[in-house]
Amino acid sequence: MKDNNLDPYYKKTIPFTYEEKKLLFRVSQDLFSSHIIDYGTQRLLRTLSTEGLNRFGKLLDLGCGYGHIGITLKSANPKNEVHMIDIDALALQYSQQNADLNNVTGLKIYGSLGYDNVNDKDFDLIVSNIPAKVGEKALSHIILDARYYLKQTGRVAIVVIDAITKYVTDVLKSNDDVKILFQKSWSGHTIFHYEFISKDKSTKLKGTGFSRGIYDRTESKFSFNKETLSLKTTYNLPEFDTLSFDTKLLLDNLYFIKKDEIHNVMVINPRQGYIPIALSRLKQIEKIILVDRNLQSLEVSRRNLILNGFSRENVLLSHQVGILLKDERHVNSIVGLVPEKQDNKVYEMFISQSAKQLKPDGVIILCSSSNVIFKMGRITHSTKSFSILKNVRSKGKRVIIARIINNNDI
């Protein structure tokens, strides 16, 4: 179990009781429902019990968060098989921590964008607190394509917030192959249990949901180095049609890389892919390593790099918390947007890991709010790990460029 004092994302531990089973859940401010287990999820779990769906044989928890649904149901049915998936690597990390905390074993916890990394097709129950901001195509995919991952007798149980209840209701009721078994609304959310009438599963899905474009939103263009570049953007990520000011500010300072012997670059928090695309246009860049907690950000950024002519073989994805690569591969530079509103321990971890991840004379080029970069500048000064080469402030944002001093003893 991870020491709370060593986990920069830890907020508190929440108690929860289900069918007289007492559980504890470590939560992070960065994950959904960090104050209490939200009422929609609590009611969904209760309806599984009252409607007899909690005695499943094999369960898929889609969008598992810190693991409250999957772990709760597995604790009530230890012999049954539970898969837990999420696009956020921090959610997967906390799910595993909470499984350990509650002595719940045998869970299969892994990253997946929707059903894209789910190989099993024989679940008795798919359960989810449906995310609201994925776009209508993705919502329909989550709701209706569940049939391809269920046994013939399998069922789906979901909870949705008011903002998407009408859309979800229309999708379910307009599909002749869907039979709603249970529907109940409370202030703020609605719960549905349903099954598919047709038992014929001969039709197969072609490719992943991502490759079929269900997350796609629009096309966007931007200018870099006197060149107009284009990309396909998706829902549920920022900058779908316009560059943010912090991205523009970072792009304006990438000129520093042109005069440096930088071949391998790590891009953190790539969003839709503007920054890695810009880096790919610099002739000396050979490999780009994309690192993010968000699996969708990694997938869309890789796609946009390839669409702009960068070799797939030279794009590496690492879906993880933090920036230390598991294979100990080192890079010449770390570039990206630093998330705001993090605990100072997160920024301290980032500077420490950057010093370990970079090659000698490696460079970081980072942008965030002026306050965040100021904090990170103070951390680099106190640790004596980096020499600051440039610190530029504009309109409440700031870019810092720093070179590692010596990482041999860090």
Protein backbone atom coordinates (compact mmCIF):
# COMPACT_ATOMS: atom_id res chain seq x y z
CA MET A 1 0.00 0.00 0.00
CA LYS A 2 1.31 3.40 -0.95
CA ASP A 3 2.28 5.71 1.92
CA ASN A 4 -0.09 8.70 1.96
CA ASN A 5 2.83 11.02 2.62
CA LEU A 6 4.61 9.74 -0.51
CA ASP A 7 1.61 9.96 -2.83
CA PRO A 8 1.33 13.52 -4.18
CA TYR A 9 -2.18 12.88 -5.55
CA TYR A 10 -3.74 11.47 -2.37
CA LYS A 11 -6.59 13.48 -0.78
CA LYS A 12 -8.29 11.26 1.80
CA THR A 13 -9.85 7.85 2.47
CA ILE A 14 -13.62 7.37 2.18
CA PRO A 15 -15.55 4.66 4.07
CA PHE A 16 -18.37 2.85 2.25
CA THR A 17 -20.68 -0.01 3.22
CA TYR A 18 -22.40 -2.33 0.77
CA GLU A 19 -24.48 -5.32 1.83
CA GLU A 20 -22.96 -5.05 5.32
CA LYS A 21 -19.47 -5.19 3.83
CA LYS A 22 -17.30 -2.29 5.08
CA LEU A 23 -14.86 -0.89 2.54
CA LEU A 24 -12.34 1.93 2.31
CA PHE A 25 -11.43 3.94 -0.78
CA ARG A 26 -8.38 6.13 -1.20
CA VAL A 27 -9.31 9.09 -3.40
CA SER A 28 -7.52 11.81 -5.32
CA GLN A 29 -8.68 15.35 -5.97
CA ASP A 30 -7.95 14.69 -9.65
CA LEU A 31 -10.54 11.90 -9.92
CA PHE A 32 -14.32 12.06 -10.10
CA SER A 33 -16.18 12.14 -6.77
CA SER A 34 -13.29 12.80 -4.42
CA HIS A 35 -15.49 14.09 -1.58
CA ILE A 36 -17.82 11.11 -1.22
CA ILE A 37 -18.87 8.24 -3.45
CA ASP A 38 -21.41 10.12 -5.55
CA TYR A 39 -25.10 9.46 -5.00
CA GLY A 40 -25.66 8.27 -8.56
CA THR A 41 -23.11 5.48 -8.10
CA GLN A 42 -24.49 4.59 -4.67
CA ARG A 43 -28.01 4.27 -6.09
CA LEU A 44 -26.77 2.30 -9.07
CA LEU A 45 -25.17 -0.20 -6.70
CA ARG A 46 -28.38 -0.44 -4.66
CA THR A 47 -30.50 -1.10 -7.76
CA LEU A 48 -28.13 -3.90 -8.77
CA SER A 49 -28.90 -5.48 -5.43
CA THR A 50 -32.68 -4.92 -5.44
CA GLU A 51 -33.03 -6.01 -9.08
CA GLY A 52 -30.82 -9.06 -8.62
CA LEU A 53 -28.09 -8.01 -11.05
CA ASN A 54 -25.30 -8.00 -8.49
CA ARG A 55 -25.02 -11.80 -8.62
CA PHE A 56 -23.21 -11.66 -11.92
CA GLY A 57 -20.65 -14.18 -13.13
CA LYS A 58 -18.41 -11.84 -15.11
CA LEU A 59 -18.48 -8.05 -14.91
CA LEU A 60 -17.04 -5.15 -16.91
CA ASP A 61 -16.78 -1.84 -15.02
CA LEU A 62 -16.42 0.78 -17.76
CA GLY A 63 -14.88 4.05 -16.55
CA CYS A 64 -13.93 2.60 -13.18
CA GLY A 65 -12.50 5.74 -11.58
CA TYR A 66 -10.86 4.85 -8.28
CA GLY A 67 -12.64 1.50 -8.32
CA HIS A 68 -15.73 1.97 -6.19
CA ILE A 69 -18.13 -0.06 -8.38
CA GLY A 70 -15.90 -2.95 -9.44
CA ILE A 71 -14.23 -3.42 -6.06
CA THR A 72 -17.55 -3.16 -4.19
CA LEU A 73 -19.18 -5.82 -6.37
CA LYS A 74 -16.13 -8.07 -6.32
CA SER A 75 -16.00 -7.87 -2.51
CA ALA A 76 -19.64 -9.03 -2.41
CA ASN A 77 -18.95 -11.83 -4.93
CA PRO A 78 -15.29 -12.88 -4.49
CA LYS A 79 -15.50 -15.84 -6.87
CA ASN A 80 -16.72 -13.81 -9.83
CA GLU A 81 -14.53 -12.21 -12.50
CA VAL A 82 -14.28 -8.42 -12.66
CA HIS A 83 -12.65 -6.29 -15.37
CA MET A 84 -12.11 -2.58 -14.61
CA ILE A 85 -11.15 -0.12 -17.35
CA ASP A 86 -10.53 3.62 -17.59
CA ILE A 87 -8.75 6.09 -19.86
CA ASP A 88 -7.03 7.76 -16.88
CA ALA A 89 -3.86 6.08 -15.63
CA LEU A 90 -4.32 7.71 -12.22
CA ALA A 91 -7.75 6.05 -11.95
CA LEU A 92 -6.17 2.67 -12.72
CA GLN A 93 -3.45 3.28 -10.15
CA TYR A 94 -5.98 4.17 -7.45
CA SER A 95 -8.19 1.22 -8.39
CA GLN A 96 -5.26 -1.10 -7.76
CA GLN A 97 -4.41 0.66 -4.50
CA ASN A 98 -8.01 0.32 -3.33
CA ALA A 99 -8.15 -3.33 -4.32
CA ASP A 100 -5.06 -3.90 -2.16
CA LEU A 101 -6.48 -1.78 0.67
CA ASN A 102 -9.62 -3.91 0.78
CA ASN A 103 -7.84 -7.24 0.21
CA VAL A 104 -9.78 -7.77 -3.01
CA THR A 105 -7.77 -9.95 -5.40
CA GLY A 106 -8.17 -11.29 -8.91
CA LEU A 107 -9.29 -8.02 -10.53
CA LYS A 108 -8.24 -7.25 -14.10
CA ILE A 109 -7.47 -3.52 -14.21
CA TYR A 110 -6.31 -1.96 -17.48
CA GLY A 111 -6.50 1.11 -19.68
CA SER A 112 -9.05 1.32 -22.47
CA LEU A 113 -10.69 4.05 -24.52
CA GLY A 114 -14.27 2.86 -24.42
CA TYR A 115 -14.23 -0.84 -25.34
CA ASP A 116 -11.13 -0.52 -27.56
CA ASN A 117 -8.79 -2.64 -25.39
CA VAL A 118 -11.44 -5.07 -24.18
CA ASN A 119 -10.84 -8.49 -25.73
CA ASP A 120 -13.42 -10.55 -23.82
CA LYS A 121 -16.90 -10.84 -25.33
CA ASP A 122 -18.70 -12.86 -22.66
CA PHE A 123 -19.64 -10.52 -19.83
CA ASP A 124 -22.80 -11.14 -17.81
CA LEU A 125 -22.99 -7.49 -16.78
CA ILE A 126 -21.55 -4.21 -18.03
CA VAL A 127 -21.91 -1.39 -15.53
CA SER A 128 -20.93 2.27 -15.82
CA ASN A 129 -21.37 5.76 -14.46
CA ILE A 130 -21.46 7.22 -17.98
CA PRO A 131 -19.22 10.27 -18.62
CA ALA A 132 -21.26 13.19 -19.91
CA LYS A 133 -18.83 15.05 -22.16
CA VAL A 134 -17.66 12.43 -24.63
CA GLY A 135 -19.96 13.52 -27.47
CA GLU A 136 -23.13 11.91 -28.79
CA LYS A 137 -21.42 9.39 -31.09
CA ALA A 138 -19.33 8.07 -28.21
CA LEU A 139 -22.36 7.96 -25.93
CA SER A 140 -24.25 5.86 -28.47
CA HIS A 141 -21.20 3.62 -28.84
CA ILE A 142 -20.94 3.00 -25.08
CA ILE A 143 -24.68 2.35 -24.75
CA LEU A 144 -25.38 0.22 -27.84
CA ASP A 145 -22.07 -1.48 -28.66
CA ALA A 146 -22.16 -3.11 -25.24
CA ARG A 147 -24.06 -5.93 -26.99
CA TYR A 148 -20.84 -7.11 -28.67
CA TYR A 149 -19.20 -7.72 -25.28
CA LEU A 150 -22.08 -9.50 -23.52
CA LYS A 151 -23.19 -13.09 -23.26
CA GLN A 152 -26.57 -13.76 -24.84
CA THR A 153 -28.15 -13.39 -21.41
CA GLY A 154 -26.01 -10.38 -20.47
CA ARG A 155 -27.32 -7.05 -19.25
CA VAL A 156 -26.20 -3.43 -18.92
CA ALA A 157 -26.66 -1.13 -15.93
CA ILE A 158 -25.79 2.57 -16.21
CA VAL A 159 -26.31 5.84 -14.38
CA VAL A 160 -26.37 9.16 -16.27
CA ILE A 161 -26.63 12.77 -15.16
CA ASP A 162 -29.57 14.99 -16.11
CA ALA A 163 -27.63 16.76 -18.89
CA ILE A 164 -27.59 13.60 -21.03
CA THR A 165 -30.65 11.74 -19.71
CA LYS A 166 -32.92 12.77 -22.60
CA TYR A 167 -30.36 11.75 -25.21
CA VAL A 168 -29.70 8.39 -23.56
CA THR A 169 -33.43 7.75 -23.16
CA ASP A 170 -34.04 8.52 -26.84
CA VAL A 171 -31.18 6.22 -27.94
CA LEU A 172 -32.45 3.31 -25.86
CA LYS A 173 -36.14 3.70 -26.69
CA SER A 174 -35.61 4.29 -30.41
CA ASN A 175 -33.64 1.06 -30.81
CA ASP A 176 -35.94 -1.90 -31.43
CA ASP A 177 -33.30 -4.32 -30.19
CA VAL A 178 -33.15 -2.77 -26.71
CA LYS A 179 -35.44 -3.80 -23.87
CA ILE A 180 -35.38 -1.49 -20.85
CA LEU A 181 -35.78 -3.60 -17.72
CA PHE A 182 -35.53 -0.86 -15.13
CA GLN A 183 -35.56 2.94 -15.21
CA LYS A 184 -35.70 5.33 -12.30
CA SER A 185 -34.84 9.00 -11.88
CA TRP A 186 -33.71 11.04 -8.91
CA SER A 187 -32.74 14.69 -8.81
CA GLY A 188 -29.53 14.88 -10.81
CA HIS A 189 -29.39 11.44 -12.42
CA THR A 190 -31.24 8.47 -13.92
CA ILE A 191 -30.50 4.75 -13.79
CA PHE A 192 -31.20 2.29 -16.61
CA HIS A 193 -30.95 -1.49 -16.70
CA TYR A 194 -31.44 -3.00 -20.16
CA GLU A 195 -30.74 -5.99 -22.36
CA PHE A 196 -30.63 -6.70 -26.08
CA ILE A 197 -33.53 -8.67 -27.57
CA SER A 198 -31.69 -10.18 -30.51
CA LYS A 199 -29.28 -12.94 -29.57
CA ASP A 200 -27.56 -12.88 -32.96
CA LYS A 201 -23.99 -11.60 -32.55
CA SER A 202 -22.78 -12.59 -36.01
CA THR A 203 -22.20 -8.95 -36.97
CA LYS A 204 -18.73 -7.88 -35.91
CA LEU A 205 -17.43 -4.41 -35.14
CA LYS A 206 -14.82 -3.28 -37.64
CA GLY A 207 -11.79 -1.83 -35.90
CA THR A 208 -11.78 0.12 -32.65
CA GLY A 209 -14.18 2.87 -31.73
CA PHE A 210 -11.31 5.35 -32.10
CA SER A 211 -10.43 4.14 -35.61
CA ARG A 212 -14.11 4.39 -36.60
CA GLY A 213 -14.11 8.07 -35.60
CA ILE A 214 -16.68 7.97 -32.82
CA TYR A 215 -14.69 10.47 -30.72
CA ASP A 216 -13.96 12.84 -33.62
CA ARG A 217 -15.18 16.41 -33.37
CA THR A 218 -13.74 18.64 -36.10
CA GLU A 219 -10.62 19.54 -38.09
CA SER A 220 -8.32 22.34 -37.06
CA LYS A 221 -5.35 24.19 -38.55
CA PHE A 222 -2.47 26.12 -37.03
CA SER A 223 0.75 27.77 -38.16
CA PHE A 224 4.25 26.88 -37.05
CA ASN A 225 7.60 27.76 -38.56
CA LYS A 226 5.89 29.41 -41.59
CA GLU A 227 3.94 26.22 -42.28
CA THR A 228 0.20 25.53 -41.99
CA LEU A 229 -0.51 22.24 -40.28
CA SER A 230 -3.80 20.42 -39.80
CA LEU A 231 -5.18 17.86 -37.36
CA LYS A 232 -8.34 15.99 -36.44
CA THR A 233 -9.62 16.81 -32.97
CA THR A 234 -11.86 14.91 -30.58
CA TYR A 235 -14.45 15.51 -27.90
CA ASN A 236 -13.53 15.60 -24.21
CA LEU A 237 -10.13 17.25 -24.80
CA PRO A 238 -9.31 20.98 -24.80
CA GLU A 239 -8.29 22.94 -27.91
CA PHE A 240 -10.63 21.16 -30.32
CA ASP A 241 -10.77 24.18 -32.67
CA THR A 242 -8.52 26.90 -31.22
CA LEU A 243 -5.09 26.93 -29.64
CA SER A 244 -4.96 28.04 -26.03
CA PHE A 245 -2.66 30.91 -25.17
CA ASP A 246 -0.31 28.66 -23.20
CA THR A 247 0.10 26.38 -26.24
CA LYS A 248 0.83 29.41 -28.45
CA LEU A 249 3.37 30.68 -25.95
CA LEU A 250 5.10 27.31 -25.81
CA LEU A 251 5.17 27.02 -29.61
CA ASP A 252 6.77 30.47 -29.81
CA ASN A 253 9.63 29.23 -27.64
CA LEU A 254 10.35 25.95 -29.40
CA TYR A 255 12.93 27.80 -31.47
CA PHE A 256 15.35 26.98 -28.66
CA ILE A 257 15.32 23.32 -29.74
CA LYS A 258 16.42 24.24 -33.27
CA LYS A 259 19.88 25.21 -32.09
CA ASP A 260 20.32 22.28 -29.72
CA GLU A 261 21.37 18.70 -30.41
CA ILE A 262 17.98 17.30 -29.46
CA HIS A 263 16.86 14.08 -31.16
CA ASN A 264 14.53 12.34 -28.71
CA VAL A 265 11.77 14.43 -27.14
CA MET A 266 9.21 13.56 -24.50
CA VAL A 267 5.95 15.51 -24.79
CA ILE A 268 3.81 15.59 -21.67
CA ASN A 269 0.09 16.39 -21.69
CA PRO A 270 -0.09 16.58 -25.52
CA ARG A 271 -3.87 17.25 -25.63
CA GLN A 272 -4.95 17.16 -29.31
CA GLY A 273 -1.36 17.04 -30.57
CA TYR A 274 -0.42 20.59 -31.56
CA ILE A 275 2.92 20.58 -29.72
CA PRO A 276 4.18 17.16 -30.89
CA ILE A 277 3.16 18.03 -34.47
CA ALA A 278 5.20 21.24 -34.29
CA LEU A 279 8.18 19.33 -32.91
CA SER A 280 7.90 16.77 -35.70
CA ARG A 281 8.59 19.53 -38.25
CA LEU A 282 12.04 20.15 -36.77
CA LYS A 283 14.49 18.16 -38.87
CA GLN A 284 16.69 16.83 -36.07
CA ILE A 285 13.80 15.25 -34.12
CA GLU A 286 14.00 11.48 -34.56
CA LYS A 287 11.65 10.11 -31.88
CA ILE A 288 8.73 11.60 -29.99
CA ILE A 289 7.57 9.95 -26.77
CA LEU A 290 4.05 10.96 -25.74
CA VAL A 291 3.37 10.67 -22.02
CA ASP A 292 0.01 11.29 -20.42
CA ARG A 293 -2.51 9.91 -17.96
CA ASN A 294 -5.22 10.37 -20.59
CA LEU A 295 -5.27 7.53 -23.12
CA GLN A 296 -7.45 9.49 -25.54
CA SER A 297 -4.91 12.33 -25.65
CA LEU A 298 -2.19 9.83 -26.51
CA GLU A 299 -4.21 8.18 -29.28
CA VAL A 300 -5.33 11.39 -30.96
CA SER A 301 -1.85 12.94 -30.75
CA ARG A 302 -0.26 9.88 -32.35
CA ARG A 303 -2.87 9.90 -35.11
CA ASN A 304 -2.23 13.58 -35.82
CA LEU A 305 1.52 13.06 -35.92
CA ILE A 306 1.06 10.31 -38.50
CA LEU A 307 -1.40 12.40 -40.52
CA ASN A 308 1.29 15.08 -40.71
CA GLY A 309 3.89 12.67 -42.07
CA PHE A 310 5.77 11.56 -38.95
CA SER A 311 6.65 7.87 -38.92
CA ARG A 312 4.46 5.66 -36.72
CA GLU A 313 7.56 3.69 -35.71
CA ASN A 314 9.09 6.86 -34.25
CA VAL A 315 6.08 7.68 -32.06
CA LEU A 316 6.00 5.97 -28.67
CA LEU A 317 3.06 6.12 -26.25
CA SER A 318 3.32 5.79 -22.49
CA HIS A 319 0.03 5.75 -20.60
CA GLN A 320 1.12 6.45 -17.04
CA VAL A 321 1.20 8.68 -13.97
CA GLY A 322 4.37 10.76 -13.79
CA ILE A 323 7.07 10.82 -16.47
CA LEU A 324 9.59 8.12 -15.51
CA LEU A 325 9.61 5.59 -18.34
CA LYS A 326 9.56 1.95 -17.25
CA ASP A 327 12.25 0.89 -19.72
CA GLU A 328 14.62 3.57 -18.40
CA ARG A 329 14.93 5.17 -21.84
CA HIS A 330 16.38 8.66 -21.50
CA VAL A 331 15.50 11.69 -23.63
CA ASN A 332 17.20 14.90 -24.73
CA SER A 333 14.28 17.13 -23.88
CA ILE A 334 10.95 17.22 -22.04
CA VAL A 335 8.37 19.59 -23.50
CA GLY A 336 4.80 20.29 -22.59
CA LEU A 337 2.02 21.97 -20.67
CA VAL A 338 2.06 21.51 -16.91
CA PRO A 339 -1.42 21.02 -15.38
CA GLU A 340 -2.57 23.71 -12.96
CA LYS A 341 -4.19 23.36 -9.53
CA GLN A 342 -1.92 20.53 -8.40
CA ASP A 343 -0.45 20.01 -4.97
CA ASN A 344 3.12 21.29 -4.66
CA LYS A 345 4.19 17.65 -4.11
CA VAL A 346 3.14 16.90 -7.71
CA TYR A 347 5.42 19.65 -9.04
CA GLU A 348 8.26 18.46 -6.82
CA MET A 349 7.78 14.93 -8.18
CA PHE A 350 7.82 16.25 -11.74
CA ILE A 351 11.13 18.12 -11.29
CA SER A 352 12.72 15.13 -9.57
CA GLN A 353 11.56 12.72 -12.30
CA SER A 354 12.65 15.12 -15.05
CA ALA A 355 16.17 15.17 -13.65
CA LYS A 356 16.25 11.35 -13.68
CA GLN A 357 14.67 11.01 -17.13
CA LEU A 358 16.90 13.45 -19.04
CA LYS A 359 20.24 12.71 -20.62
CA PRO A 360 23.23 14.86 -19.57
CA ASP A 361 22.72 18.46 -20.77
CA GLY A 362 19.02 17.68 -21.27
CA VAL A 363 16.53 20.53 -21.50
CA ILE A 364 12.99 21.10 -20.24
CA ILE A 365 10.63 23.56 -21.95
CA LEU A 366 7.44 23.92 -19.95
CA CYS A 367 4.45 26.23 -19.92
CA SER A 368 1.64 26.79 -17.43
CA SER A 369 0.14 29.58 -15.37
CA SER A 370 2.65 32.11 -14.14
CA ASN A 371 2.09 30.93 -10.57
CA VAL A 372 2.76 27.25 -11.39
CA ILE A 373 5.95 27.95 -13.34
CA PHE A 374 7.12 30.30 -10.58
CA LYS A 375 6.68 27.43 -8.09
CA MET A 376 8.55 25.04 -10.37
CA GLY A 377 11.34 27.56 -10.81
CA ARG A 378 11.75 27.76 -7.05
CA ILE A 379 11.82 23.97 -6.83
CA THR A 380 14.56 23.69 -9.48
CA HIS A 381 16.54 26.34 -7.63
CA SER A 382 16.19 24.61 -4.26
CA THR A 383 17.12 21.18 -5.64
CA LYS A 384 19.98 22.63 -7.71
CA SER A 385 19.01 20.19 -10.46
CA PHE A 386 18.53 22.67 -13.32
CA SER A 387 19.99 25.90 -14.57
CA ILE A 388 17.26 28.25 -15.79
CA LEU A 389 18.05 29.57 -19.28
CA LYS A 390 14.88 31.54 -19.92
CA ASN A 391 11.76 32.53 -18.02
CA VAL A 392 9.13 34.40 -20.02
CA ARG A 393 5.82 35.72 -18.69
CA SER A 394 2.87 36.87 -20.81
CA LYS A 395 -0.82 37.37 -19.99
CA GLY A 396 -0.75 35.30 -16.83
CA LYS A 397 1.16 32.42 -18.46
CA ARG A 398 4.84 31.62 -18.24
CA VAL A 399 7.39 29.51 -20.13
CA ILE A 400 10.50 28.17 -18.46
CA ILE A 401 13.50 26.74 -20.32
CA ALA A 402 16.08 25.01 -18.14
CA ARG A 403 19.06 22.73 -18.64
CA ILE A 404 19.92 19.91 -16.26
CA ILE A 405 23.07 20.57 -14.25
CA ASN A 406 24.04 17.03 -13.27
CA ASN A 407 21.74 14.04 -12.99
CA ASN A 408 24.32 11.48 -11.97
CA ASP A 409 23.73 11.86 -8.25
CA ILE A 410 19.98 12.56 -8.26
